[in-house]
């Protein structure tokens, strides 16, 4: 998570009180037709957060953006995020960030698929910079922990430290 942006649980309680329920219902709709989207959303969130923090720079389209990087070519779930954003814009125009939508959708997909739960602080800002070259340090699933930690150490956008325990948890739960 990107810290220092004023994130907190319940950030949209007054500006868009139904935000989290809209996200959950939209995610549930998509997971009913394709349960594999839970893992896809978690992977998208990880790929986004690892590069520049959880700013949804992975959603930016265009030439040489993160979305076009080789490591991200297999990402799925963009339609879930787009549909959720459409629903939220109808209810609360220009209020909920895409960064929060991805974080909430990821949490809700995990809850719906395996009943693990956690609170998600919201209030993130969307990123505006997205470069395919920034994805080069994204760890491959076959990298050992020491390699992954070294890649993180040399990542110039290292906005949050990733702990060995977090790497192990991601690899153990979601291949």
N, C-alpha and C. Protein backbone atom coordinates (compact mmCIF):
# COMPACT_ATOMS: atom_id res chain seq x y z
N UNK A 1 0.82 -1.19 0.00
CA UNK A 1 0.00 0.00 0.00
C UNK A 1 0.86 1.25 0.00
N UNK A 2 0.41 2.25 -0.63
CA UNK A 2 1.12 3.51 -0.60
C UNK A 2 0.75 4.21 0.70
N UNK A 3 1.74 4.44 1.52
CA UNK A 3 1.49 5.12 2.79
C UNK A 3 1.77 6.60 2.63
N UNK A 4 1.22 7.41 3.50
CA UNK A 4 1.48 8.83 3.45
C UNK A 4 0.53 9.58 2.54
N UNK A 5 -0.47 8.90 2.01
CA UNK A 5 -1.44 9.57 1.17
C UNK A 5 -2.71 9.89 1.95
N UNK A 6 -2.69 9.70 3.23
CA UNK A 6 -3.88 9.96 4.03
C UNK A 6 -4.89 8.83 3.94
N UNK A 7 -4.41 7.61 3.76
CA UNK A 7 -5.33 6.49 3.69
C UNK A 7 -5.87 6.15 5.07
N UNK A 8 -7.12 5.69 5.05
CA UNK A 8 -7.74 5.23 6.30
C UNK A 8 -8.95 4.36 5.95
N UNK A 9 -9.28 3.48 6.84
CA UNK A 9 -10.48 2.66 6.66
C UNK A 9 -11.68 3.59 6.74
N UNK A 10 -12.58 3.46 5.78
CA UNK A 10 -13.78 4.29 5.77
C UNK A 10 -13.61 5.65 5.12
N UNK A 11 -12.60 5.82 4.30
CA UNK A 11 -12.31 7.11 3.67
C UNK A 11 -13.51 7.68 2.92
N UNK A 12 -14.31 6.81 2.31
CA UNK A 12 -15.46 7.26 1.51
C UNK A 12 -16.79 7.24 2.28
N UNK A 13 -16.74 7.12 3.58
CA UNK A 13 -17.97 7.00 4.38
C UNK A 13 -18.95 8.15 4.16
N UNK A 14 -18.45 9.36 3.93
CA UNK A 14 -19.36 10.50 3.72
C UNK A 14 -19.45 10.91 2.26
N UNK A 15 -18.37 10.74 1.50
CA UNK A 15 -18.38 11.20 0.11
C UNK A 15 -18.99 10.19 -0.86
N UNK A 16 -18.94 8.91 -0.52
CA UNK A 16 -19.53 7.86 -1.36
C UNK A 16 -19.80 6.65 -0.47
N UNK A 17 -20.82 6.75 0.38
CA UNK A 17 -21.07 5.72 1.40
C UNK A 17 -21.28 4.30 0.85
N UNK A 18 -21.73 4.19 -0.38
CA UNK A 18 -21.98 2.86 -0.95
C UNK A 18 -20.81 2.33 -1.77
N UNK A 19 -19.69 3.02 -1.73
CA UNK A 19 -18.53 2.65 -2.56
C UNK A 19 -18.14 1.19 -2.37
N UNK A 20 -17.92 0.78 -1.14
CA UNK A 20 -17.44 -0.58 -0.90
C UNK A 20 -18.48 -1.62 -1.28
N UNK A 21 -19.75 -1.33 -1.07
CA UNK A 21 -20.79 -2.30 -1.44
C UNK A 21 -20.93 -2.39 -2.97
N UNK A 22 -20.73 -1.28 -3.66
CA UNK A 22 -20.76 -1.30 -5.13
C UNK A 22 -19.60 -2.14 -5.66
N UNK A 23 -18.42 -1.96 -5.09
CA UNK A 23 -17.26 -2.75 -5.51
C UNK A 23 -17.55 -4.23 -5.28
N UNK A 24 -18.01 -4.56 -4.09
CA UNK A 24 -18.25 -5.97 -3.75
C UNK A 24 -19.29 -6.61 -4.67
N UNK A 25 -20.38 -5.91 -4.94
CA UNK A 25 -21.42 -6.51 -5.79
C UNK A 25 -20.93 -6.68 -7.23
N UNK A 26 -20.14 -5.75 -7.73
CA UNK A 26 -19.62 -5.87 -9.09
C UNK A 26 -18.62 -7.02 -9.18
N UNK A 27 -17.76 -7.13 -8.19
CA UNK A 27 -16.78 -8.23 -8.16
C UNK A 27 -17.52 -9.57 -8.06
N UNK A 28 -18.52 -9.63 -7.22
CA UNK A 28 -19.29 -10.87 -7.05
C UNK A 28 -19.94 -11.28 -8.37
N UNK A 29 -20.48 -10.33 -9.09
CA UNK A 29 -21.10 -10.60 -10.39
C UNK A 29 -20.08 -11.24 -11.34
N UNK A 30 -18.89 -10.67 -11.42
CA UNK A 30 -17.87 -11.19 -12.33
C UNK A 30 -17.32 -12.55 -11.86
N UNK A 31 -17.14 -12.72 -10.56
CA UNK A 31 -16.62 -13.99 -10.05
C UNK A 31 -17.63 -15.12 -10.24
N UNK A 32 -18.91 -14.80 -10.26
CA UNK A 32 -19.91 -15.84 -10.51
C UNK A 32 -19.74 -16.44 -11.90
N UNK A 33 -19.30 -15.65 -12.86
CA UNK A 33 -19.12 -16.18 -14.21
C UNK A 33 -17.69 -16.70 -14.44
N UNK A 34 -16.73 -16.22 -13.66
CA UNK A 34 -15.35 -16.67 -13.81
C UNK A 34 -14.62 -16.59 -12.47
N UNK A 35 -14.65 -17.68 -11.70
CA UNK A 35 -14.01 -17.69 -10.38
C UNK A 35 -12.50 -17.46 -10.42
N UNK A 36 -11.85 -17.69 -11.57
CA UNK A 36 -10.41 -17.49 -11.66
C UNK A 36 -10.02 -16.02 -11.62
N UNK A 37 -11.01 -15.14 -11.71
CA UNK A 37 -10.71 -13.71 -11.64
C UNK A 37 -10.19 -13.28 -10.27
N UNK A 38 -10.47 -14.06 -9.24
CA UNK A 38 -9.94 -13.71 -7.91
C UNK A 38 -8.41 -13.71 -7.93
N UNK A 39 -7.83 -14.76 -8.46
CA UNK A 39 -6.37 -14.82 -8.56
C UNK A 39 -5.85 -13.76 -9.53
N UNK A 40 -6.60 -13.51 -10.60
CA UNK A 40 -6.18 -12.51 -11.58
C UNK A 40 -6.14 -11.12 -10.97
N UNK A 41 -7.13 -10.79 -10.16
CA UNK A 41 -7.16 -9.47 -9.52
C UNK A 41 -6.04 -9.33 -8.50
N UNK A 42 -5.79 -10.40 -7.74
CA UNK A 42 -4.68 -10.36 -6.77
C UNK A 42 -3.35 -10.17 -7.49
N UNK A 43 -3.18 -10.85 -8.60
CA UNK A 43 -1.94 -10.71 -9.38
C UNK A 43 -1.81 -9.29 -9.93
N UNK A 44 -2.91 -8.74 -10.45
CA UNK A 44 -2.87 -7.37 -10.97
C UNK A 44 -2.48 -6.39 -9.86
N UNK A 45 -3.07 -6.56 -8.70
CA UNK A 45 -2.78 -5.68 -7.57
C UNK A 45 -1.31 -5.78 -7.16
N UNK A 46 -0.79 -7.00 -7.11
CA UNK A 46 0.61 -7.20 -6.77
C UNK A 46 1.52 -6.54 -7.81
N UNK A 47 1.24 -6.77 -9.08
CA UNK A 47 2.06 -6.18 -10.14
C UNK A 47 2.03 -4.66 -10.08
N UNK A 48 0.88 -4.11 -9.75
CA UNK A 48 0.77 -2.66 -9.64
C UNK A 48 1.55 -2.14 -8.43
N UNK A 49 1.34 -2.74 -7.29
CA UNK A 49 1.95 -2.25 -6.05
C UNK A 49 3.47 -2.41 -6.03
N UNK A 50 3.97 -3.45 -6.65
CA UNK A 50 5.40 -3.71 -6.58
C UNK A 50 6.22 -2.67 -7.31
N UNK A 51 5.70 -2.09 -8.36
CA UNK A 51 6.49 -1.20 -9.20
C UNK A 51 6.62 0.20 -8.61
N UNK A 52 5.51 0.90 -8.42
CA UNK A 52 5.56 2.28 -7.93
C UNK A 52 4.66 2.50 -6.72
N UNK A 53 4.25 1.44 -6.10
CA UNK A 53 3.26 1.56 -5.05
C UNK A 53 1.89 1.35 -5.68
N UNK A 54 0.88 1.26 -4.88
CA UNK A 54 -0.47 0.92 -5.34
C UNK A 54 -1.15 2.15 -5.93
N UNK A 55 -0.75 2.49 -7.15
CA UNK A 55 -1.24 3.72 -7.78
C UNK A 55 -2.01 3.47 -9.07
N UNK A 56 -2.24 2.23 -9.40
CA UNK A 56 -2.91 1.76 -10.63
C UNK A 56 -2.23 2.23 -11.91
N UNK A 57 -0.94 2.43 -11.86
CA UNK A 57 -0.21 2.76 -13.08
C UNK A 57 -0.26 1.60 -14.06
N UNK A 58 -0.57 0.40 -13.57
CA UNK A 58 -0.71 -0.76 -14.45
C UNK A 58 -1.97 -0.68 -15.31
N UNK A 59 -2.91 0.18 -14.95
CA UNK A 59 -4.14 0.32 -15.74
C UNK A 59 -3.98 1.27 -16.93
N UNK A 60 -2.94 2.09 -16.90
CA UNK A 60 -2.75 3.09 -17.94
C UNK A 60 -2.46 2.39 -19.27
N UNK A 61 -3.20 2.79 -20.30
CA UNK A 61 -2.99 2.22 -21.63
C UNK A 61 -2.15 3.16 -22.47
N UNK A 62 -1.55 2.61 -23.50
CA UNK A 62 -0.74 3.42 -24.39
C UNK A 62 0.58 2.74 -24.70
N UNK A 63 1.38 3.39 -25.51
CA UNK A 63 2.66 2.86 -25.93
C UNK A 63 3.64 2.83 -24.77
N UNK A 64 4.29 1.69 -24.57
CA UNK A 64 5.36 1.51 -23.58
C UNK A 64 4.92 1.82 -22.15
N UNK A 65 3.68 1.51 -21.80
CA UNK A 65 3.21 1.66 -20.42
C UNK A 65 3.43 0.35 -19.68
N UNK A 66 3.26 0.36 -18.37
CA UNK A 66 3.41 -0.86 -17.58
C UNK A 66 2.54 -1.99 -18.11
N UNK A 67 1.37 -1.64 -18.56
CA UNK A 67 0.42 -2.64 -19.05
C UNK A 67 0.98 -3.39 -20.26
N UNK A 68 1.87 -2.77 -21.03
CA UNK A 68 2.43 -3.41 -22.22
C UNK A 68 3.73 -4.16 -21.94
N UNK A 69 4.24 -4.07 -20.72
CA UNK A 69 5.48 -4.77 -20.37
C UNK A 69 5.27 -6.28 -20.44
N UNK A 70 6.30 -6.99 -20.83
CA UNK A 70 6.20 -8.44 -21.01
C UNK A 70 5.61 -9.13 -19.78
N UNK A 71 6.07 -8.78 -18.60
CA UNK A 71 5.60 -9.43 -17.36
C UNK A 71 4.12 -9.18 -17.10
N UNK A 72 3.55 -8.15 -17.71
CA UNK A 72 2.15 -7.81 -17.47
C UNK A 72 1.21 -8.23 -18.60
N UNK A 73 1.74 -8.81 -19.64
CA UNK A 73 0.89 -9.16 -20.79
C UNK A 73 -0.20 -10.16 -20.44
N UNK A 74 0.03 -10.99 -19.44
CA UNK A 74 -0.97 -11.99 -19.04
C UNK A 74 -1.94 -11.51 -17.97
N UNK A 75 -1.83 -10.25 -17.56
CA UNK A 75 -2.75 -9.75 -16.52
C UNK A 75 -4.18 -9.76 -17.04
N UNK A 76 -5.11 -10.10 -16.15
CA UNK A 76 -6.52 -10.11 -16.48
C UNK A 76 -7.29 -9.40 -15.38
N UNK A 77 -8.55 -9.14 -15.64
CA UNK A 77 -9.40 -8.52 -14.65
C UNK A 77 -9.68 -7.06 -14.92
N UNK A 78 -9.16 -6.54 -16.01
CA UNK A 78 -9.36 -5.13 -16.33
C UNK A 78 -10.84 -4.79 -16.50
N UNK A 79 -11.60 -5.72 -17.05
CA UNK A 79 -13.03 -5.48 -17.25
C UNK A 79 -13.75 -5.33 -15.90
N UNK A 80 -13.33 -6.10 -14.91
CA UNK A 80 -13.92 -5.98 -13.58
C UNK A 80 -13.69 -4.57 -13.04
N UNK A 81 -12.48 -4.08 -13.19
CA UNK A 81 -12.14 -2.73 -12.70
C UNK A 81 -12.91 -1.68 -13.49
N UNK A 82 -12.96 -1.83 -14.82
CA UNK A 82 -13.69 -0.88 -15.65
C UNK A 82 -15.17 -0.84 -15.30
N UNK A 83 -15.78 -2.01 -15.14
CA UNK A 83 -17.20 -2.05 -14.79
C UNK A 83 -17.47 -1.46 -13.41
N UNK A 84 -16.57 -1.72 -12.49
CA UNK A 84 -16.71 -1.17 -11.14
C UNK A 84 -16.60 0.35 -11.19
N UNK A 85 -15.63 0.85 -11.94
CA UNK A 85 -15.47 2.30 -12.08
C UNK A 85 -16.72 2.93 -12.69
N UNK A 86 -17.30 2.29 -13.68
CA UNK A 86 -18.53 2.80 -14.30
C UNK A 86 -19.66 2.88 -13.28
N UNK A 87 -19.81 1.84 -12.47
CA UNK A 87 -20.85 1.82 -11.43
C UNK A 87 -20.62 2.93 -10.40
N UNK A 88 -19.37 3.10 -10.00
CA UNK A 88 -19.05 4.12 -8.99
C UNK A 88 -19.21 5.54 -9.55
N UNK A 89 -18.86 5.73 -10.80
CA UNK A 89 -19.03 7.05 -11.41
C UNK A 89 -20.50 7.43 -11.50
N UNK A 90 -21.36 6.45 -11.71
CA UNK A 90 -22.80 6.72 -11.76
C UNK A 90 -23.33 7.12 -10.39
N UNK A 91 -22.77 6.52 -9.34
CA UNK A 91 -23.22 6.80 -7.98
C UNK A 91 -22.54 8.02 -7.37
N UNK A 92 -21.26 8.17 -7.61
CA UNK A 92 -20.46 9.22 -6.98
C UNK A 92 -19.40 9.70 -7.98
N UNK A 93 -19.77 10.58 -8.88
CA UNK A 93 -18.83 11.00 -9.93
C UNK A 93 -17.54 11.62 -9.37
N UNK A 94 -16.41 11.17 -9.92
CA UNK A 94 -15.09 11.72 -9.62
C UNK A 94 -14.70 11.66 -8.15
N UNK A 95 -15.13 10.61 -7.46
CA UNK A 95 -14.82 10.50 -6.03
C UNK A 95 -13.85 9.37 -5.74
N UNK A 96 -14.15 8.16 -6.19
CA UNK A 96 -13.37 6.97 -5.83
C UNK A 96 -12.24 6.77 -6.83
N UNK A 97 -11.02 6.65 -6.31
CA UNK A 97 -9.86 6.45 -7.18
C UNK A 97 -9.81 5.02 -7.71
N UNK A 98 -9.21 4.85 -8.85
CA UNK A 98 -9.01 3.51 -9.40
C UNK A 98 -8.07 2.70 -8.50
N UNK A 99 -7.14 3.37 -7.85
CA UNK A 99 -6.22 2.69 -6.93
C UNK A 99 -7.00 2.02 -5.80
N UNK A 100 -8.01 2.71 -5.29
CA UNK A 100 -8.84 2.12 -4.25
C UNK A 100 -9.75 1.03 -4.81
N UNK A 101 -10.22 1.22 -6.02
CA UNK A 101 -11.07 0.19 -6.63
C UNK A 101 -10.30 -1.12 -6.75
N UNK A 102 -9.06 -1.05 -7.23
CA UNK A 102 -8.26 -2.27 -7.37
C UNK A 102 -8.01 -2.91 -6.00
N UNK A 103 -7.67 -2.12 -5.01
CA UNK A 103 -7.42 -2.66 -3.67
C UNK A 103 -8.66 -3.31 -3.09
N UNK A 104 -9.80 -2.63 -3.21
CA UNK A 104 -11.06 -3.18 -2.67
C UNK A 104 -11.52 -4.40 -3.47
N UNK A 105 -11.40 -4.34 -4.79
CA UNK A 105 -11.81 -5.47 -5.62
C UNK A 105 -10.96 -6.70 -5.33
N UNK A 106 -9.68 -6.48 -5.10
CA UNK A 106 -8.80 -7.59 -4.77
C UNK A 106 -9.22 -8.22 -3.45
N UNK A 107 -9.41 -7.39 -2.44
CA UNK A 107 -9.85 -7.90 -1.14
C UNK A 107 -11.17 -8.66 -1.27
N UNK A 108 -12.13 -8.09 -1.98
CA UNK A 108 -13.44 -8.72 -2.10
C UNK A 108 -13.38 -10.02 -2.89
N UNK A 109 -12.52 -10.08 -3.90
CA UNK A 109 -12.40 -11.32 -4.66
C UNK A 109 -11.82 -12.43 -3.80
N UNK A 110 -10.88 -12.09 -2.93
CA UNK A 110 -10.30 -13.08 -2.02
C UNK A 110 -11.35 -13.53 -1.00
N UNK A 111 -12.10 -12.59 -0.45
CA UNK A 111 -13.16 -12.93 0.50
C UNK A 111 -14.16 -13.88 -0.15
N UNK A 112 -14.57 -13.55 -1.36
CA UNK A 112 -15.59 -14.37 -2.03
C UNK A 112 -15.07 -15.74 -2.45
N UNK A 113 -13.77 -15.86 -2.65
CA UNK A 113 -13.25 -17.14 -3.12
C UNK A 113 -12.72 -18.03 -2.01
N UNK A 114 -12.20 -17.45 -0.95
CA UNK A 114 -11.64 -18.32 0.11
C UNK A 114 -11.91 -17.81 1.52
N UNK A 115 -12.74 -16.82 1.65
CA UNK A 115 -13.23 -16.34 2.94
C UNK A 115 -12.17 -15.74 3.86
N UNK A 116 -11.02 -15.37 3.32
CA UNK A 116 -10.05 -14.59 4.09
C UNK A 116 -10.51 -13.14 4.03
N UNK A 117 -10.29 -12.39 5.09
CA UNK A 117 -10.76 -11.01 5.09
C UNK A 117 -9.77 -10.09 5.78
N UNK A 118 -9.78 -8.84 5.37
CA UNK A 118 -8.98 -7.80 6.00
C UNK A 118 -9.58 -6.46 5.66
N UNK A 119 -9.29 -5.47 6.48
CA UNK A 119 -9.76 -4.12 6.21
C UNK A 119 -8.81 -3.45 5.24
N UNK A 120 -9.36 -2.64 4.35
CA UNK A 120 -8.55 -1.95 3.36
C UNK A 120 -8.64 -0.45 3.61
N UNK A 121 -7.54 0.15 4.02
CA UNK A 121 -7.53 1.62 4.11
C UNK A 121 -7.69 2.19 2.70
N UNK A 122 -8.50 3.19 2.56
CA UNK A 122 -8.74 3.80 1.25
C UNK A 122 -8.34 5.27 1.30
N UNK A 123 -8.34 5.89 0.13
CA UNK A 123 -7.92 7.28 0.02
C UNK A 123 -6.68 7.43 -0.83
N UNK A 124 -6.33 6.37 -1.57
CA UNK A 124 -5.16 6.43 -2.46
C UNK A 124 -5.43 7.38 -3.62
N UNK A 125 -4.38 7.87 -4.18
CA UNK A 125 -4.43 8.69 -5.39
C UNK A 125 -3.97 7.84 -6.57
N UNK A 126 -4.54 8.09 -7.72
CA UNK A 126 -4.13 7.37 -8.93
C UNK A 126 -2.83 7.94 -9.47
N UNK A 127 -1.97 7.06 -9.94
CA UNK A 127 -0.72 7.49 -10.56
C UNK A 127 -0.95 7.95 -11.98
N UNK A 128 -0.07 8.78 -12.45
CA UNK A 128 -0.18 9.29 -13.82
C UNK A 128 1.02 8.90 -14.67
N UNK A 129 2.03 8.30 -14.04
CA UNK A 129 3.23 7.88 -14.76
C UNK A 129 3.21 6.36 -14.86
N UNK A 130 3.40 5.86 -16.06
CA UNK A 130 3.41 4.42 -16.28
C UNK A 130 4.39 4.11 -17.41
N UNK A 131 5.47 3.42 -17.07
CA UNK A 131 6.50 3.10 -18.06
C UNK A 131 6.81 1.61 -18.01
N UNK A 132 6.79 0.99 -19.17
CA UNK A 132 7.05 -0.45 -19.26
C UNK A 132 8.40 -0.80 -18.64
N UNK A 133 9.38 0.05 -18.80
CA UNK A 133 10.73 -0.24 -18.28
C UNK A 133 10.75 -0.36 -16.75
N UNK A 134 9.78 0.23 -16.07
CA UNK A 134 9.73 0.15 -14.61
C UNK A 134 9.36 -1.25 -14.12
N UNK A 135 8.85 -2.08 -15.00
CA UNK A 135 8.40 -3.42 -14.62
C UNK A 135 9.57 -4.41 -14.60
N UNK A 136 10.73 -4.01 -15.09
CA UNK A 136 11.86 -4.93 -15.20
C UNK A 136 12.24 -5.59 -13.89
N UNK A 137 12.05 -4.93 -12.78
CA UNK A 137 12.44 -5.51 -11.49
C UNK A 137 11.33 -6.31 -10.82
N UNK A 138 10.23 -6.50 -11.50
CA UNK A 138 9.17 -7.32 -10.95
C UNK A 138 9.69 -8.75 -10.83
N UNK A 139 9.60 -9.35 -9.66
CA UNK A 139 10.15 -10.70 -9.51
C UNK A 139 9.35 -11.73 -10.29
N UNK A 140 10.06 -12.69 -10.84
CA UNK A 140 9.41 -13.80 -11.53
C UNK A 140 9.01 -14.84 -10.49
N UNK A 141 7.99 -15.63 -10.77
CA UNK A 141 7.56 -16.64 -9.81
C UNK A 141 8.64 -17.67 -9.48
N UNK A 142 9.62 -17.82 -10.37
CA UNK A 142 10.68 -18.79 -10.15
C UNK A 142 11.88 -18.22 -9.40
N UNK A 143 11.88 -16.92 -9.12
CA UNK A 143 13.00 -16.31 -8.38
C UNK A 143 12.99 -16.76 -6.93
N UNK A 144 14.18 -17.03 -6.41
CA UNK A 144 14.30 -17.31 -4.99
C UNK A 144 14.10 -16.01 -4.22
N UNK A 145 13.82 -16.12 -2.95
CA UNK A 145 13.54 -14.94 -2.11
C UNK A 145 14.70 -13.95 -2.15
N UNK A 146 15.94 -14.43 -2.09
CA UNK A 146 17.09 -13.52 -2.11
C UNK A 146 17.13 -12.70 -3.40
N UNK A 147 16.78 -13.32 -4.52
CA UNK A 147 16.76 -12.61 -5.81
C UNK A 147 15.66 -11.56 -5.79
N UNK A 148 14.49 -11.93 -5.25
CA UNK A 148 13.38 -10.99 -5.19
C UNK A 148 13.71 -9.80 -4.30
N UNK A 149 14.34 -10.06 -3.17
CA UNK A 149 14.72 -8.96 -2.27
C UNK A 149 15.76 -8.06 -2.93
N UNK A 150 16.68 -8.64 -3.68
CA UNK A 150 17.70 -7.85 -4.38
C UNK A 150 17.05 -6.99 -5.46
N UNK A 151 16.11 -7.54 -6.21
CA UNK A 151 15.41 -6.76 -7.22
C UNK A 151 14.70 -5.59 -6.57
N UNK A 152 14.11 -5.83 -5.44
CA UNK A 152 13.39 -4.76 -4.73
C UNK A 152 14.36 -3.69 -4.25
N UNK A 153 15.55 -4.10 -3.83
CA UNK A 153 16.54 -3.15 -3.32
C UNK A 153 16.97 -2.17 -4.41
N UNK A 154 17.03 -2.63 -5.66
CA UNK A 154 17.48 -1.78 -6.75
C UNK A 154 16.34 -1.10 -7.51
N UNK A 155 15.13 -1.27 -7.02
CA UNK A 155 13.97 -0.63 -7.65
C UNK A 155 13.95 0.84 -7.24
N UNK A 156 14.11 1.72 -8.20
CA UNK A 156 14.21 3.16 -7.87
C UNK A 156 12.89 3.73 -7.37
N UNK A 157 11.80 3.01 -7.55
CA UNK A 157 10.51 3.49 -7.07
C UNK A 157 10.09 2.80 -5.78
N UNK A 158 11.02 2.24 -5.07
CA UNK A 158 10.74 1.46 -3.87
C UNK A 158 9.99 2.31 -2.84
N UNK A 159 8.66 2.33 -2.92
CA UNK A 159 7.87 3.16 -2.02
C UNK A 159 7.48 2.41 -0.75
N UNK A 160 7.69 1.10 -0.74
CA UNK A 160 7.39 0.33 0.46
C UNK A 160 8.33 -0.86 0.49
N UNK A 161 8.82 -1.20 1.64
CA UNK A 161 9.67 -2.39 1.71
C UNK A 161 8.80 -3.64 1.60
N UNK A 162 9.31 -4.63 0.93
CA UNK A 162 8.59 -5.90 0.90
C UNK A 162 9.35 -6.87 1.77
N UNK A 163 8.66 -7.50 2.66
CA UNK A 163 9.27 -8.39 3.62
C UNK A 163 9.31 -9.81 3.09
N UNK A 164 10.30 -10.57 3.56
CA UNK A 164 10.43 -11.96 3.14
C UNK A 164 9.14 -12.72 3.41
N UNK A 165 8.52 -12.47 4.54
CA UNK A 165 7.26 -13.14 4.90
C UNK A 165 6.17 -12.84 3.87
N UNK A 166 6.10 -11.60 3.38
CA UNK A 166 5.09 -11.23 2.40
C UNK A 166 5.32 -11.95 1.07
N UNK A 167 6.58 -12.09 0.67
CA UNK A 167 6.89 -12.79 -0.57
C UNK A 167 6.48 -14.25 -0.46
N UNK A 168 6.81 -14.87 0.66
CA UNK A 168 6.47 -16.28 0.87
C UNK A 168 4.96 -16.45 0.88
N UNK A 169 4.24 -15.56 1.54
CA UNK A 169 2.78 -15.67 1.58
C UNK A 169 2.17 -15.56 0.20
N UNK A 170 2.65 -14.64 -0.62
CA UNK A 170 2.12 -14.49 -1.97
C UNK A 170 2.37 -15.74 -2.81
N UNK A 171 3.55 -16.32 -2.69
CA UNK A 171 3.87 -17.49 -3.49
C UNK A 171 3.17 -18.74 -2.99
N UNK A 172 2.96 -18.83 -1.68
CA UNK A 172 2.32 -20.01 -1.12
C UNK A 172 0.85 -20.06 -1.47
N UNK A 173 0.18 -18.92 -1.40
CA UNK A 173 -1.27 -18.88 -1.59
C UNK A 173 -1.67 -18.80 -3.05
N UNK A 174 -0.94 -18.00 -3.81
CA UNK A 174 -1.34 -17.75 -5.21
C UNK A 174 -0.17 -18.03 -6.13
N UNK A 175 -0.22 -19.11 -6.86
CA UNK A 175 0.88 -19.43 -7.79
C UNK A 175 0.98 -18.41 -8.91
